[in-house]
Amino acid sequence: GENLIEFPIKMLERAAWITCNLYIVWTQSPASYFGIALLPVACMTTFQFFTFKFFRKCNDRMRRVEEETVSATTEVLVNIKTVRQLANEPSAAASYARRGLARRLIGEKIYTT
């Protein structure tokens, strides 16, 4: 749904940039030099395209890192909550410790064999 709205807006925005640049070149340069004056505009448009593409990739990468950070933080908070709950229940804490010890011993047996 959002792409149907955002895509035309982005295309209109880009077309407006190009149109504004062409208008500025048309008004600033003599008619005989208009073709030559378009060369920097073409270079600038190409440069802007790749620059916008690069920044879009950077923003996507930054968003993914933020999501991973939030996920890791949430996991740590859940573990802290679990440890606090176990600390309040002595029998559950003992059971948790036994399971941890059993896992560690099994892991040691796997590595020593």
C-alpha atoms as a PDB file:
ATOM      1  CA  GLY A   1       0.000   0.000   0.000  1.00  0.00           C
ATOM      2  CA  GLU A   2       2.714   2.503   0.930  1.00  0.00           C
ATOM      3  CA  ASN A   3       4.760   1.769  -2.202  1.00  0.00           C
ATOM      4  CA  LEU A   4       1.806   2.753  -4.364  1.00  0.00           C
ATOM      5  CA  ILE A   5       1.858   6.158  -2.693  1.00  0.00           C
ATOM      6  CA  GLU A   6       5.595   6.613  -2.080  1.00  0.00           C
ATOM      7  CA  PHE A   7       6.872   5.538  -5.510  1.00  0.00           C
ATOM      8  CA  PRO A   8       4.967   8.158  -7.547  1.00  0.00           C
ATOM      9  CA  ILE A   9       5.914  10.817  -5.003  1.00  0.00           C
ATOM     10  CA  LYS A  10       9.598   9.890  -5.295  1.00  0.00           C
ATOM     11  CA  MET A  11       9.416   9.896  -9.085  1.00  0.00           C
ATOM     12  CA  LEU A  12       7.702  13.307  -9.115  1.00  0.00           C
ATOM     13  CA  GLU A  13      10.298  14.632  -6.711  1.00  0.00           C
ATOM     14  CA  ARG A  14      13.146  13.412  -8.925  1.00  0.00           C
ATOM     15  CA  ALA A  15      11.474  14.762 -12.061  1.00  0.00           C
ATOM     16  CA  ALA A  16      11.062  18.104 -10.310  1.00  0.00           C
ATOM     17  CA  TRP A  17      14.785  18.160  -9.460  1.00  0.00           C
ATOM     18  CA  ILE A  18      15.717  17.494 -13.067  1.00  0.00           C
ATOM     19  CA  THR A  19      13.205  20.015 -14.384  1.00  0.00           C
ATOM     20  CA  CYS A  20      14.446  22.703 -12.001  1.00  0.00           C
ATOM     21  CA  ASN A  21      18.041  22.045 -12.999  1.00  0.00           C
ATOM     22  CA  LEU A  22      17.156  22.220 -16.694  1.00  0.00           C
ATOM     23  CA  TYR A  23      15.210  25.448 -16.198  1.00  0.00           C
ATOM     24  CA  ILE A  24      18.128  27.050 -14.360  1.00  0.00           C
ATOM     25  CA  VAL A  25      20.498  26.036 -17.155  1.00  0.00           C
ATOM     26  CA  TRP A  26      18.051  27.342 -19.800  1.00  0.00           C
ATOM     27  CA  THR A  27      17.744  30.724 -18.114  1.00  0.00           C
ATOM     28  CA  GLN A  28      21.451  31.102 -17.289  1.00  0.00           C
ATOM     29  CA  SER A  29      23.027  30.054 -20.595  1.00  0.00           C
ATOM     30  CA  PRO A  30      22.755  31.463 -24.102  1.00  0.00           C
ATOM     31  CA  ALA A  31      20.627  29.389 -26.498  1.00  0.00           C
ATOM     32  CA  SER A  32      23.612  28.408 -28.643  1.00  0.00           C
ATOM     33  CA  TYR A  33      25.423  26.925 -25.640  1.00  0.00           C
ATOM     34  CA  PHE A  34      22.417  25.146 -24.128  1.00  0.00           C
ATOM     35  CA  GLY A  35      23.543  21.703 -25.355  1.00  0.00           C
ATOM     36  CA  ILE A  36      27.017  22.155 -23.901  1.00  0.00           C
ATOM     37  CA  ALA A  37      25.518  23.526 -20.705  1.00  0.00           C
ATOM     38  CA  LEU A  38      23.482  20.333 -20.321  1.00  0.00           C
ATOM     39  CA  LEU A  39      26.610  18.190 -19.886  1.00  0.00           C
ATOM     40  CA  PRO A  40      27.178  19.218 -16.254  1.00  0.00           C
ATOM     41  CA  VAL A  41      23.473  18.710 -15.565  1.00  0.00           C
ATOM     42  CA  ALA A  42      23.683  15.173 -16.959  1.00  0.00           C
ATOM     43  CA  CYS A  43      26.763  14.489 -14.830  1.00  0.00           C
ATOM     44  CA  MET A  44      25.102  15.976 -11.765  1.00  0.00           C
ATOM     45  CA  THR A  45      21.919  13.934 -12.316  1.00  0.00           C
ATOM     46  CA  THR A  46      23.948  10.739 -12.621  1.00  0.00           C
ATOM     47  CA  PHE A  47      25.977  11.649  -9.537  1.00  0.00           C
ATOM     48  CA  GLN A  48      22.792  12.375  -7.565  1.00  0.00           C
ATOM     49  CA  PHE A  49      21.284   9.041  -8.623  1.00  0.00           C
ATOM     50  CA  PHE A  50      24.245   7.054  -7.310  1.00  0.00           C
ATOM     51  CA  THR A  51      24.553   9.232  -4.209  1.00  0.00           C
ATOM     52  CA  PHE A  52      20.890   8.705  -3.334  1.00  0.00           C
ATOM     53  CA  LYS A  53      21.279   4.966  -3.951  1.00  0.00           C
ATOM     54  CA  PHE A  54      24.333   4.836  -1.666  1.00  0.00           C
ATOM     55  CA  PHE A  55      22.565   6.715   1.127  1.00  0.00           C
ATOM     56  CA  ARG A  56      19.521   4.443   0.793  1.00  0.00           C
ATOM     57  CA  LYS A  57      21.776   1.401   1.301  1.00  0.00           C
ATOM     58  CA  CYS A  58      23.424   3.085   4.298  1.00  0.00           C
ATOM     59  CA  ASN A  59      20.019   3.820   5.828  1.00  0.00           C
ATOM     60  CA  ASP A  60      18.912   0.202   5.303  1.00  0.00           C
ATOM     61  CA  ARG A  61      22.114  -1.049   6.921  1.00  0.00           C
ATOM     62  CA  MET A  62      21.677   1.344   9.851  1.00  0.00           C
ATOM     63  CA  ARG A  63      18.052   0.230  10.296  1.00  0.00           C
ATOM     64  CA  ARG A  64      19.105  -3.447  10.385  1.00  0.00           C
ATOM     65  CA  VAL A  65      21.812  -2.719  12.979  1.00  0.00           C
ATOM     66  CA  GLU A  66      19.288  -0.842  15.125  1.00  0.00           C
ATOM     67  CA  GLU A  67      16.831  -3.752  14.882  1.00  0.00           C
ATOM     68  CA  GLU A  68      19.543  -6.231  15.909  1.00  0.00           C
ATOM     69  CA  THR A  69      20.533  -3.993  18.808  1.00  0.00           C
ATOM     70  CA  VAL A  70      16.945  -3.729  20.013  1.00  0.00           C
ATOM     71  CA  SER A  71      16.559  -7.502  19.690  1.00  0.00           C
ATOM     72  CA  ALA A  72      19.731  -8.165  21.690  1.00  0.00           C
ATOM     73  CA  THR A  73      18.712  -5.655  24.352  1.00  0.00           C
ATOM     74  CA  THR A  74      15.288  -7.251  24.649  1.00  0.00           C
ATOM     75  CA  GLU A  75      16.873 -10.678  25.028  1.00  0.00           C
ATOM     76  CA  VAL A  76      19.193  -9.404  27.777  1.00  0.00           C
ATOM     77  CA  LEU A  77      16.266  -7.812  29.616  1.00  0.00           C
ATOM     78  CA  VAL A  78      14.281 -11.062  29.392  1.00  0.00           C
ATOM     79  CA  ASN A  79      17.266 -12.970  30.804  1.00  0.00           C
ATOM     80  CA  ILE A  80      17.615 -10.468  33.643  1.00  0.00           C
ATOM     81  CA  LYS A  81      13.925 -10.865  34.414  1.00  0.00           C
ATOM     82  CA  THR A  82      14.284 -14.655  34.397  1.00  0.00           C
ATOM     83  CA  VAL A  83      17.254 -14.523  36.748  1.00  0.00           C
ATOM     84  CA  ARG A  84      15.368 -12.208  39.095  1.00  0.00           C
ATOM     85  CA  GLN A  85      12.381 -14.531  39.108  1.00  0.00           C
ATOM     86  CA  LEU A  86      14.622 -17.514  39.828  1.00  0.00           C
ATOM     87  CA  ALA A  87      16.331 -15.644  42.637  1.00  0.00           C
ATOM     88  CA  ASN A  88      12.944 -15.165  44.269  1.00  0.00           C
ATOM     89  CA  GLU A  89      12.151 -18.881  44.109  1.00  0.00           C
ATOM     90  CA  PRO A  90      14.819 -21.011  45.828  1.00  0.00           C
ATOM     91  CA  SER A  91      13.611 -24.336  44.402  1.00  0.00           C
ATOM     92  CA  ALA A  92      13.435 -22.946  40.871  1.00  0.00           C
ATOM     93  CA  ALA A  93      16.896 -21.433  41.287  1.00  0.00           C
ATOM     94  CA  ALA A  94      18.301 -24.778  42.397  1.00  0.00           C
ATOM     95  CA  SER A  95      16.654 -26.540  39.446  1.00  0.00           C
ATOM     96  CA  TYR A  96      18.018 -23.913  37.045  1.00  0.00           C
ATOM     97  CA  ALA A  97      21.509 -24.334  38.511  1.00  0.00           C
ATOM     98  CA  ARG A  98      21.305 -28.149  38.213  1.00  0.00           C
ATOM     99  CA  ARG A  99      20.255 -27.884  34.565  1.00  0.00           C
ATOM    100  CA  GLY A 100      23.095 -25.462  33.882  1.00  0.00           C
ATOM    101  CA  LEU A 101      25.565 -27.783  35.564  1.00  0.00           C
ATOM    102  CA  ALA A 102      24.198 -30.753  33.613  1.00  0.00           C
ATOM    103  CA  ARG A 103      24.546 -28.849  30.337  1.00  0.00           C
ATOM    104  CA  ARG A 104      28.091 -27.869  31.198  1.00  0.00           C
ATOM    105  CA  LEU A 105      29.049 -31.445  32.105  1.00  0.00           C
ATOM    106  CA  ILE A 106      27.484 -32.801  28.924  1.00  0.00           C
ATOM    107  CA  GLY A 107      29.363 -30.165  26.936  1.00  0.00           C
ATOM    108  CA  GLU A 108      32.628 -31.161  28.636  1.00  0.00           C
ATOM    109  CA  LYS A 109      32.007 -34.835  27.831  1.00  0.00           C
ATOM    110  CA  ILE A 110      31.396 -33.978  24.191  1.00  0.00           C
ATOM    111  CA  TYR A 111      34.634 -31.990  23.954  1.00  0.00           C
ATOM    112  CA  THR A 112      36.762 -34.541  25.826  1.00  0.00           C
ATOM    113  CA  THR A 113      35.657 -37.542  23.761  1.00  0.00           C
END
